[in-house]
N, C-alpha and C. Protein backbone atom coordinates (compact mmCIF):
# COMPACT_ATOMS: atom_id res chain seq x y z
N MET A 1 17.16 28.64 19.82
CA MET A 1 16.33 28.48 20.69
C MET A 1 16.23 27.21 20.89
N THR A 2 16.01 27.21 22.66
CA THR A 2 16.03 25.86 23.24
C THR A 2 14.98 25.30 23.35
N THR A 3 14.57 23.84 23.74
CA THR A 3 13.54 22.87 24.23
C THR A 3 12.77 23.38 24.86
N ILE A 4 13.25 24.02 25.98
CA ILE A 4 12.35 24.88 27.26
C ILE A 4 11.98 26.14 26.90
N ASP A 5 12.43 26.55 25.52
CA ASP A 5 11.78 28.11 24.90
C ASP A 5 10.66 27.69 24.50
N ILE A 6 10.73 26.73 23.83
CA ILE A 6 9.34 26.01 22.68
C ILE A 6 8.62 25.44 23.77
N ILE A 7 8.81 24.68 24.34
CA ILE A 7 7.90 24.15 25.56
C ILE A 7 7.15 25.40 26.22
N ILE A 8 7.73 26.56 26.22
CA ILE A 8 7.04 28.01 27.09
C ILE A 8 6.19 28.26 26.18
N ILE A 9 6.51 28.14 24.74
CA ILE A 9 5.92 28.98 23.44
C ILE A 9 4.63 27.95 23.45
N ALA A 10 5.17 27.21 23.49
CA ALA A 10 3.90 26.21 23.16
C ALA A 10 2.66 26.29 24.09
N ILE A 11 3.35 26.03 25.51
CA ILE A 11 2.26 26.27 26.69
C ILE A 11 1.23 27.36 26.17
N GLY A 12 2.65 28.33 25.88
CA GLY A 12 1.31 30.07 25.95
C GLY A 12 0.27 29.61 24.71
N LEU A 13 1.19 29.19 23.87
CA LEU A 13 -0.14 29.17 22.56
C LEU A 13 -0.77 27.75 22.89
N ALA A 14 -1.23 27.14 23.83
CA ALA A 14 -2.07 26.12 23.98
C ALA A 14 -2.99 26.79 24.61
N MET A 15 -3.07 28.09 25.38
CA MET A 15 -3.59 28.38 26.65
C MET A 15 -5.40 28.71 25.89
N ASP A 16 -5.12 29.58 24.55
CA ASP A 16 -6.53 29.55 23.87
C ASP A 16 -7.46 28.32 23.69
N ALA A 17 -7.01 27.25 23.24
CA ALA A 17 -7.39 25.75 23.12
C ALA A 17 -7.60 25.35 24.45
N SER A 18 -6.76 25.13 25.57
CA SER A 18 -7.38 24.72 26.52
C SER A 18 -8.38 25.51 27.25
N ALA A 19 -8.32 26.44 27.05
CA ALA A 19 -10.00 27.79 27.72
C ALA A 19 -10.82 26.79 26.59
N VAL A 20 -10.77 27.25 25.89
CA VAL A 20 -12.13 26.90 24.88
C VAL A 20 -12.73 25.62 25.37
N SER A 21 -11.40 24.25 25.44
CA SER A 21 -11.79 22.91 25.61
C SER A 21 -11.90 23.05 27.30
N LEU A 22 -12.02 23.73 28.00
CA LEU A 22 -12.07 23.82 29.70
C LEU A 22 -13.81 24.11 29.40
N ALA A 23 -14.13 25.19 29.05
CA ALA A 23 -15.14 25.80 29.03
C ALA A 23 -16.26 25.00 28.34
N ALA A 24 -15.85 24.27 27.00
CA ALA A 24 -16.95 23.06 26.07
C ALA A 24 -16.90 22.07 27.16
N ALA A 25 -16.37 21.37 27.64
CA ALA A 25 -16.29 20.14 28.80
C ALA A 25 -17.62 20.72 30.00
N ALA A 26 -16.70 21.91 29.94
CA ALA A 26 -17.82 22.54 31.60
C ALA A 26 -19.08 22.77 31.03
N ALA A 27 -19.62 22.92 30.12
CA ALA A 27 -20.68 23.36 29.52
C ALA A 27 -21.51 22.29 29.27
N GLY A 28 -20.63 21.08 29.28
CA GLY A 28 -21.65 19.62 29.01
C GLY A 28 -21.50 19.14 27.55
N PHE A 29 -20.31 19.88 26.53
CA PHE A 29 -20.65 19.36 25.30
C PHE A 29 -19.42 18.39 25.41
N ALA A 30 -18.55 17.95 25.79
CA ALA A 30 -17.90 16.97 25.64
C ALA A 30 -17.65 15.83 26.58
N ALA A 31 -18.83 14.90 26.81
CA ALA A 31 -18.97 14.41 27.32
C ALA A 31 -19.32 13.07 27.00
N ASP A 32 -18.35 12.78 25.71
CA ASP A 32 -18.48 11.40 25.31
C ASP A 32 -16.68 11.54 24.72
N ALA A 33 -16.44 10.63 24.83
CA ALA A 33 -14.78 9.98 24.39
C ALA A 33 -14.58 10.37 22.91
N ARG A 34 -15.90 10.28 22.00
CA ARG A 34 -15.34 11.16 20.73
C ARG A 34 -15.25 12.42 20.79
N ALA A 35 -16.05 13.07 21.40
CA ALA A 35 -16.03 14.64 21.51
C ALA A 35 -14.67 15.09 22.09
N LYS A 36 -14.06 14.48 22.80
CA LYS A 36 -12.77 14.89 23.51
C LYS A 36 -11.88 14.34 22.79
N PHE A 37 -12.13 13.73 21.73
CA PHE A 37 -11.21 13.21 20.83
C PHE A 37 -10.98 14.57 19.62
N ARG A 38 -12.28 14.45 19.64
CA ARG A 38 -12.45 15.66 18.18
C ARG A 38 -11.49 17.16 18.70
N LEU A 39 -12.08 17.64 20.22
CA LEU A 39 -11.76 19.16 20.54
C LEU A 39 -9.77 18.76 20.56
N SER A 40 -9.51 17.63 21.47
CA SER A 40 -7.64 17.59 21.60
C SER A 40 -7.18 17.55 20.21
N PHE A 41 -8.18 16.80 19.31
CA PHE A 41 -7.14 16.33 18.31
C PHE A 41 -6.66 17.62 16.95
N HIS A 42 -8.58 18.25 16.72
CA HIS A 42 -8.39 19.06 15.93
C HIS A 42 -7.43 20.48 16.35
N PHE A 43 -7.16 20.80 18.00
CA PHE A 43 -6.84 21.81 18.25
C PHE A 43 -5.50 21.78 17.93
N GLY A 44 -4.99 20.53 18.31
CA GLY A 44 -3.25 19.86 18.34
C GLY A 44 -2.61 20.18 16.95
N LEU A 45 -4.08 19.73 15.87
CA LEU A 45 -3.54 19.62 14.66
C LEU A 45 -3.20 21.10 13.46
N PHE A 46 -4.22 21.83 14.16
CA PHE A 46 -3.81 23.10 14.00
C PHE A 46 -3.04 23.75 14.58
N GLN A 47 -2.69 23.85 15.69
CA GLN A 47 -1.35 24.50 16.32
C GLN A 47 -0.20 23.73 15.76
N PHE A 48 0.13 22.62 15.01
CA PHE A 48 1.34 22.13 14.09
C PHE A 48 0.93 22.74 13.09
N PHE A 49 -0.33 23.01 11.99
CA PHE A 49 -0.39 23.18 10.56
C PHE A 49 0.30 25.16 10.76
N MET A 50 -0.07 25.43 11.66
CA MET A 50 -0.39 27.14 11.54
C MET A 50 1.05 27.47 11.82
N PRO A 51 1.95 27.30 12.32
CA PRO A 51 3.17 27.50 12.62
C PRO A 51 3.85 27.44 10.99
N VAL A 52 3.96 26.22 10.79
CA VAL A 52 4.56 25.49 9.35
C VAL A 52 4.39 26.78 8.37
N LEU A 53 2.82 26.89 8.62
CA LEU A 53 2.37 28.08 7.39
C LEU A 53 2.93 29.41 7.60
N GLY A 54 3.14 30.06 8.78
CA GLY A 54 3.66 31.20 8.95
C GLY A 54 5.39 31.48 8.40
N TRP A 55 5.84 29.99 9.08
CA TRP A 55 7.40 30.08 8.69
C TRP A 55 7.58 29.86 7.46
N PHE A 56 6.64 29.34 6.30
CA PHE A 56 6.85 29.23 5.10
C PHE A 56 6.80 30.36 4.13
N LEU A 57 5.52 31.68 4.82
CA LEU A 57 5.58 32.57 4.80
C LEU A 57 6.75 33.50 5.00
N GLY A 58 7.03 33.45 6.27
CA GLY A 58 8.30 34.14 7.01
C GLY A 58 9.45 34.12 6.01
N ILE A 59 10.09 32.76 5.64
CA ILE A 59 11.20 32.37 5.33
C ILE A 59 11.12 33.17 3.20
N SER A 60 10.41 33.37 2.74
CA SER A 60 10.23 34.05 1.75
C SER A 60 10.81 35.60 1.93
N PHE A 61 10.71 35.72 2.72
CA PHE A 61 11.02 37.02 2.84
C PHE A 61 12.23 37.68 4.17
N VAL A 62 12.81 36.36 4.47
CA VAL A 62 13.58 36.40 6.05
C VAL A 62 15.06 37.59 5.78
N SER A 63 15.60 37.58 4.43
CA SER A 63 16.68 37.90 4.54
C SER A 63 16.56 39.60 4.05
N HIS A 64 15.76 40.12 3.81
CA HIS A 64 15.23 41.59 3.60
C HIS A 64 14.62 42.17 5.52
N PHE A 65 14.55 40.91 6.11
CA PHE A 65 14.63 41.98 7.90
C PHE A 65 15.48 41.32 8.77
N LYS A 66 16.32 40.82 8.34
CA LYS A 66 17.25 40.00 9.12
C LYS A 66 17.72 41.09 10.45
N ALA A 67 17.76 42.53 9.50
CA ALA A 67 19.01 42.87 10.71
C ALA A 67 17.35 43.80 12.20
N VAL A 68 16.66 43.64 11.88
CA VAL A 68 15.56 43.98 12.72
C VAL A 68 14.33 42.90 13.05
N ASP A 69 14.92 41.59 12.42
CA ASP A 69 14.05 40.10 13.11
C ASP A 69 13.46 40.35 14.34
N HIS A 70 14.82 40.97 15.40
CA HIS A 70 14.22 40.37 16.68
C HIS A 70 13.02 41.36 17.43
N TRP A 71 13.21 42.41 16.81
CA TRP A 71 12.05 43.57 16.90
C TRP A 71 10.52 43.24 16.40
N ILE A 72 10.74 42.23 15.37
CA ILE A 72 9.39 41.68 14.67
C ILE A 72 8.91 40.69 15.23
N ALA A 73 9.95 40.12 16.26
CA ALA A 73 9.64 39.07 16.68
C ALA A 73 9.08 38.91 18.20
N PHE A 74 9.34 40.48 18.32
CA PHE A 74 8.75 40.40 19.90
C PHE A 74 7.50 41.46 19.49
N PHE A 75 7.64 42.25 18.45
CA PHE A 75 6.43 43.06 18.50
C PHE A 75 5.02 41.66 17.91
N LEU A 76 5.74 40.87 17.24
CA LEU A 76 4.69 39.58 17.38
C LEU A 76 4.26 38.63 18.26
N LEU A 77 5.07 38.69 19.22
CA LEU A 77 4.66 37.97 20.60
C LEU A 77 4.26 38.64 21.18
N ALA A 78 4.28 39.88 21.60
CA ALA A 78 3.54 40.55 22.27
C ALA A 78 2.41 41.18 21.87
N PHE A 79 2.25 41.12 20.49
CA PHE A 79 0.95 41.73 19.94
C PHE A 79 -0.24 40.42 20.41
N VAL A 80 0.29 39.26 19.97
CA VAL A 80 -0.43 38.17 20.70
C VAL A 80 -0.82 38.03 21.93
N GLY A 81 0.16 38.02 22.64
CA GLY A 81 0.50 38.22 24.22
C GLY A 81 -0.83 39.09 24.92
N ILE A 82 -0.63 40.38 24.19
CA ILE A 82 -1.55 41.34 24.85
C ILE A 82 -2.89 41.14 24.28
N ARG A 83 -3.06 40.52 23.23
CA ARG A 83 -4.69 40.10 22.88
C ARG A 83 -4.86 39.41 23.49
N MET A 84 -4.37 38.28 24.14
CA MET A 84 -4.88 36.95 24.56
C MET A 84 -5.34 37.39 26.04
N ILE A 85 -4.58 38.28 26.97
CA ILE A 85 -4.77 39.26 28.10
C ILE A 85 -5.72 39.82 27.81
N ARG A 86 -5.81 40.63 26.69
CA ARG A 86 -7.41 41.22 26.73
C ARG A 86 -8.35 40.57 26.52
N GLU A 87 -8.46 39.71 25.85
CA GLU A 87 -9.57 38.03 25.95
C GLU A 87 -9.93 37.91 27.48
N GLY A 88 -8.95 37.24 27.74
CA GLY A 88 -8.95 37.23 29.27
C GLY A 88 -9.60 37.80 30.16
N VAL A 89 -9.17 39.10 30.46
CA VAL A 89 -9.68 40.35 30.74
C VAL A 89 -11.10 40.47 30.80
N ASP A 90 -11.50 40.11 29.53
CA ASP A 90 -12.72 40.18 28.91
C ASP A 90 -13.83 39.74 29.75
N THR A 91 -14.75 40.52 30.33
CA THR A 91 -15.56 39.58 31.43
C THR A 91 -17.33 39.28 30.44
N SER A 92 -17.12 39.77 29.20
CA SER A 92 -18.41 39.51 28.62
C SER A 92 -18.94 38.26 28.68
N PRO A 93 -20.29 37.50 28.84
CA PRO A 93 -20.26 35.96 28.83
C PRO A 93 -20.38 35.47 27.43
N GLU A 94 -19.74 34.28 27.29
CA GLU A 94 -19.93 33.34 26.45
C GLU A 94 -20.51 32.41 26.23
N LYS A 95 -21.58 32.82 25.07
CA LYS A 95 -22.70 31.72 25.44
C LYS A 95 -22.24 30.72 24.28
N GLN A 96 -22.56 29.18 24.55
CA GLN A 96 -22.13 28.39 23.64
C GLN A 96 -23.86 27.68 23.66
N THR A 97 -24.40 27.47 22.44
CA THR A 97 -25.33 26.73 21.92
C THR A 97 -25.37 25.88 21.11
N LYS A 98 -24.20 25.69 20.48
CA LYS A 98 -24.02 24.71 19.41
C LYS A 98 -23.07 23.41 19.71
N ASP A 99 -23.11 22.61 19.69
CA ASP A 99 -21.70 21.84 20.13
C ASP A 99 -20.51 21.86 19.41
N PRO A 100 -19.59 22.19 19.96
CA PRO A 100 -18.42 22.77 19.29
C PRO A 100 -17.37 21.81 18.48
N SER A 101 -17.62 20.49 19.07
CA SER A 101 -16.99 19.59 18.80
C SER A 101 -17.21 19.15 16.88
N ARG A 102 -18.16 19.65 16.69
CA ARG A 102 -18.39 19.38 15.10
C ARG A 102 -18.49 20.39 14.10
N GLY A 103 -18.61 19.64 13.39
CA GLY A 103 -18.96 20.25 11.99
C GLY A 103 -17.66 21.56 11.73
N MET A 104 -18.34 22.29 11.28
CA MET A 104 -17.59 24.04 11.05
C MET A 104 -16.94 24.53 12.32
N THR A 105 -18.16 24.68 12.94
CA THR A 105 -17.96 24.99 14.60
C THR A 105 -16.59 24.74 15.15
N MET A 106 -16.22 23.01 14.94
CA MET A 106 -14.99 22.60 15.61
C MET A 106 -13.67 23.30 14.12
N VAL A 107 -14.07 23.68 13.14
CA VAL A 107 -12.91 24.16 12.26
C VAL A 107 -13.03 25.16 12.66
N LEU A 108 -13.90 26.15 12.94
CA LEU A 108 -13.52 27.73 13.15
C LEU A 108 -12.90 27.99 14.64
N LEU A 109 -13.60 26.86 15.60
CA LEU A 109 -12.75 27.02 16.93
C LEU A 109 -11.10 26.79 16.69
N SER A 110 -10.87 25.93 15.75
CA SER A 110 -9.94 25.01 15.42
C SER A 110 -8.46 26.54 14.90
N VAL A 111 -9.04 26.78 14.25
CA VAL A 111 -8.22 28.12 13.33
C VAL A 111 -8.44 28.92 14.21
N ALA A 112 -9.70 29.61 14.91
CA ALA A 112 -9.30 30.85 15.97
C ALA A 112 -8.02 30.51 16.81
N THR A 113 -8.07 29.98 17.26
CA THR A 113 -7.57 29.42 18.34
C THR A 113 -5.92 28.86 18.11
N SER A 114 -5.45 29.05 16.89
CA SER A 114 -4.31 28.64 16.05
C SER A 114 -3.57 30.15 15.29
N ILE A 115 -4.46 30.85 14.92
CA ILE A 115 -3.73 32.47 14.29
C ILE A 115 -2.97 32.41 15.45
N ASP A 116 -2.92 32.83 16.47
CA ASP A 116 -1.70 33.05 17.13
C ASP A 116 -0.69 32.31 16.68
N ALA A 117 -0.70 30.97 16.76
CA ALA A 117 0.79 29.94 16.36
C ALA A 117 1.15 30.63 14.69
N LEU A 118 0.46 30.89 13.44
CA LEU A 118 0.83 31.47 12.86
C LEU A 118 1.91 32.55 12.40
N ALA A 119 1.36 33.27 13.45
CA ALA A 119 2.73 34.57 14.21
C ALA A 119 4.08 33.94 14.41
N ILE A 120 3.63 32.96 14.82
CA ILE A 120 5.11 32.15 16.22
C ILE A 120 5.74 31.83 14.96
N GLY A 121 4.82 31.40 13.95
CA GLY A 121 5.98 30.84 12.99
C GLY A 121 6.82 31.56 12.03
N LEU A 122 6.31 32.53 11.98
CA LEU A 122 7.00 33.76 10.79
C LEU A 122 8.17 34.16 11.73
N SER A 123 7.60 34.15 13.09
CA SER A 123 8.83 34.70 14.46
C SER A 123 9.89 33.73 14.26
N LEU A 124 9.37 32.56 14.20
CA LEU A 124 10.77 31.53 14.52
C LEU A 124 11.44 31.64 12.45
N ALA A 125 10.84 32.21 11.83
CA ALA A 125 11.17 32.35 10.21
C ALA A 125 12.15 33.08 10.43
N LEU A 126 12.03 34.13 11.41
CA LEU A 126 12.66 35.53 11.47
C LEU A 126 13.94 35.06 11.93
N LEU A 127 13.84 34.51 13.18
CA LEU A 127 14.66 33.77 14.14
C LEU A 127 15.80 32.99 13.53
N ASP A 128 15.67 32.20 12.34
CA ASP A 128 16.15 31.16 11.44
C ASP A 128 16.52 29.81 12.24
N VAL A 129 14.92 29.80 12.78
CA VAL A 129 14.73 28.36 13.60
C VAL A 129 13.76 27.24 12.81
N ASN A 130 14.64 26.41 12.54
CA ASN A 130 13.81 24.89 11.87
C ASN A 130 12.45 24.79 12.57
N ILE A 131 11.78 24.65 11.77
CA ILE A 131 10.03 24.94 11.83
C ILE A 131 9.41 23.41 12.27
N TRP A 132 9.89 22.06 12.20
CA TRP A 132 9.39 20.74 12.29
C TRP A 132 9.36 20.73 14.14
N TYR A 133 10.44 20.73 14.14
CA TYR A 133 10.43 20.48 15.47
C TYR A 133 9.23 20.99 16.95
N PRO A 134 9.79 22.76 16.79
CA PRO A 134 8.66 23.15 17.65
C PRO A 134 7.08 22.83 17.01
N SER A 135 6.93 22.69 16.09
CA SER A 135 5.69 23.00 15.24
C SER A 135 4.94 21.33 15.93
N ILE A 136 5.96 20.00 16.04
CA ILE A 136 5.37 19.22 16.53
C ILE A 136 5.19 19.31 17.90
N MET A 137 6.26 19.74 18.24
CA MET A 137 6.13 19.98 20.19
C MET A 137 4.75 20.72 20.69
N ILE A 138 4.47 21.88 19.88
CA ILE A 138 3.59 23.03 19.49
C ILE A 138 2.36 22.45 19.51
N GLY A 139 2.01 21.44 19.07
CA GLY A 139 1.40 20.80 18.32
C GLY A 139 0.52 19.30 19.19
N VAL A 140 1.56 18.60 19.64
CA VAL A 140 1.68 17.87 20.65
C VAL A 140 0.89 18.03 21.96
N ILE A 141 1.90 19.38 22.70
CA ILE A 141 1.29 19.96 23.78
C ILE A 141 -0.16 21.02 23.83
N THR A 142 -0.43 21.64 22.72
CA THR A 142 -2.12 22.04 22.56
C THR A 142 -3.22 20.32 22.85
N ALA A 143 -2.48 19.09 21.69
CA ALA A 143 -3.39 18.38 21.98
C ALA A 143 -3.70 17.84 23.46
N GLY A 144 -2.54 17.57 24.01
CA GLY A 144 -2.66 17.16 25.67
C GLY A 144 -3.32 17.96 26.53
N MET A 145 -2.62 19.32 26.67
CA MET A 145 -3.35 20.56 27.51
C MET A 145 -5.39 20.57 26.92
N SER A 146 -5.48 20.24 25.79
CA SER A 146 -6.93 20.64 25.57
C SER A 146 -7.44 19.33 26.48
N LEU A 147 -6.91 18.36 26.16
CA LEU A 147 -7.17 17.09 26.57
C LEU A 147 -7.58 17.02 28.20
N GLY A 148 -6.17 17.31 28.87
CA GLY A 148 -6.21 17.66 30.49
C GLY A 148 -7.30 19.41 30.77
N ALA A 149 -7.45 19.79 30.14
CA ALA A 149 -8.05 20.99 30.14
C ALA A 149 -10.09 20.36 30.32
N ILE A 150 -10.34 19.51 29.24
CA ILE A 150 -11.27 18.83 29.20
C ILE A 150 -11.48 18.06 30.47
N LYS A 151 -10.52 17.19 30.77
CA LYS A 151 -10.92 16.68 32.40
C LYS A 151 -10.86 17.50 33.18
N ILE A 152 -10.53 18.67 33.34
CA ILE A 152 -10.35 19.73 34.57
C ILE A 152 -11.79 19.95 34.31
N GLY A 153 -12.37 21.05 33.02
CA GLY A 153 -13.43 21.94 32.80
C GLY A 153 -15.01 20.40 33.31
N THR A 154 -14.49 19.30 32.99
CA THR A 154 -15.60 18.27 33.52
C THR A 154 -16.35 18.27 34.90
N ARG A 155 -14.97 18.48 35.49
CA ARG A 155 -14.55 18.38 37.31
C ARG A 155 -14.78 20.14 38.10
N LEU A 156 -14.64 20.89 37.32
CA LEU A 156 -14.24 22.30 38.13
C LEU A 156 -15.24 23.20 37.22
N GLY A 157 -15.45 23.46 35.80
CA GLY A 157 -16.05 24.40 35.24
C GLY A 157 -15.64 25.14 35.08
N VAL A 158 -16.35 26.42 34.28
CA VAL A 158 -15.47 27.54 33.19
C VAL A 158 -14.91 28.39 34.42
N MET A 159 -14.44 28.13 35.63
CA MET A 159 -13.65 29.03 36.50
C MET A 159 -12.54 29.83 36.10
N PHE A 160 -11.67 29.02 35.34
CA PHE A 160 -10.27 28.99 35.13
C PHE A 160 -9.89 29.36 33.70
N GLY A 161 -10.91 29.49 32.94
CA GLY A 161 -10.70 29.84 31.50
C GLY A 161 -10.35 31.27 31.10
N LYS A 162 -10.87 32.11 31.74
CA LYS A 162 -10.24 33.39 31.74
C LYS A 162 -9.14 33.41 31.69
N ARG A 163 -8.73 32.99 33.34
CA ARG A 163 -7.41 33.27 33.88
C ARG A 163 -6.19 32.19 32.92
N MET A 164 -6.66 31.03 32.46
CA MET A 164 -5.54 30.62 31.15
C MET A 164 -5.07 31.16 30.44
N GLU A 165 -6.24 31.98 29.73
CA GLU A 165 -5.50 32.89 28.36
C GLU A 165 -4.86 34.07 29.18
N ILE A 166 -4.95 34.69 29.89
CA ILE A 166 -4.20 35.77 30.64
C ILE A 166 -2.83 35.45 31.25
N PHE A 167 -2.49 34.14 31.58
CA PHE A 167 -1.57 33.83 31.52
C PHE A 167 -0.22 33.06 30.46
N GLY A 168 -0.97 32.69 29.39
CA GLY A 168 -0.91 32.07 28.05
C GLY A 168 -0.17 33.67 27.05
N GLY A 169 -0.74 34.76 27.42
CA GLY A 169 -0.52 36.27 27.17
C GLY A 169 0.55 36.73 27.80
N ILE A 170 0.77 36.35 28.80
CA ILE A 170 2.48 37.00 29.97
C ILE A 170 3.28 36.12 29.48
N VAL A 171 2.85 34.66 29.00
CA VAL A 171 4.09 33.69 28.90
C VAL A 171 4.52 34.25 27.60
N LEU A 172 3.98 34.79 26.77
CA LEU A 172 4.54 35.27 25.24
C LEU A 172 4.81 36.66 25.20
N VAL A 173 4.22 37.31 26.13
CA VAL A 173 5.23 38.74 26.09
C VAL A 173 5.99 38.41 26.67
N PHE A 174 6.89 37.52 27.58
CA PHE A 174 7.76 37.21 28.44
C PHE A 174 8.58 37.20 27.51
N ILE A 175 8.77 36.18 26.30
CA ILE A 175 9.14 35.88 25.37
C ILE A 175 9.36 36.05 24.33
N GLY A 176 9.04 36.81 24.01
CA GLY A 176 8.74 38.24 23.08
C GLY A 176 9.87 39.31 23.57
N SER A 177 9.73 39.63 24.56
CA SER A 177 10.99 40.39 25.68
C SER A 177 11.98 39.63 25.50
N ARG A 178 12.02 38.52 26.15
CA ARG A 178 13.32 37.89 26.13
C ARG A 178 14.37 37.90 24.57
N ILE A 179 13.23 37.37 24.21
CA ILE A 179 14.25 37.64 22.53
C ILE A 179 14.41 38.91 22.13
N LEU A 180 13.77 39.94 22.52
CA LEU A 180 14.37 41.12 22.16
C LEU A 180 15.83 41.48 23.16
N PHE A 181 15.78 41.13 23.90
CA PHE A 181 16.74 41.55 25.09
C PHE A 181 18.04 41.17 24.94
N SER A 182 18.00 39.45 24.25
CA SER A 182 18.69 38.65 23.95
C SER A 182 19.95 39.19 22.93
N HIS A 183 18.88 40.01 21.65
CA HIS A 183 19.83 40.44 20.60
C HIS A 183 19.89 42.02 20.84
N LEU A 184 19.52 42.66 21.99
CA LEU A 184 20.25 43.97 22.19
C LEU A 184 20.94 44.32 23.19
N ILE A 185 21.75 43.09 23.66
CA ILE A 185 22.42 42.75 24.60
C ILE A 185 23.87 41.99 24.10
N VAL A 186 23.43 41.42 23.30
CA VAL A 186 25.10 40.72 22.14
C VAL A 186 25.62 41.74 21.46
């Protein structure tokens, strides 16, 4: 897996956290520097740890699935991507009444936006990719994109939140398809 692939995956994974950061900022919950730091730091931290957890779960049984690893990676990435696209298309109003950068709300949002990264970690284990470099890249890119989304959200509002999720889902489906086709052609 190339650095470009890792960056593309990281950007795709960061879309959920970025959308939440954008919405929180647009709603006025990320007004001070501490709230901005809490959001971007926690999203990046959880996006770093979840692929590591998924990878360790994956290496424990990777030898059993080596013949179909590309299919598993494709289905995991496609599942996550399609779920992100569905969430992005969902037009139900999201009401936020509690500061998302504090307490248990912050932890729950961090876990919820990083569940996809767990599946990515499992996929990377099945592809026999060392987890540390991709996890660091995923965490740093997520933190940076979240901080950038906070800045954009304070200026532009929530108009791009759902579109970011759709784009992130498309990116993950594309990467999964690329992995599948590269194994089928060889």
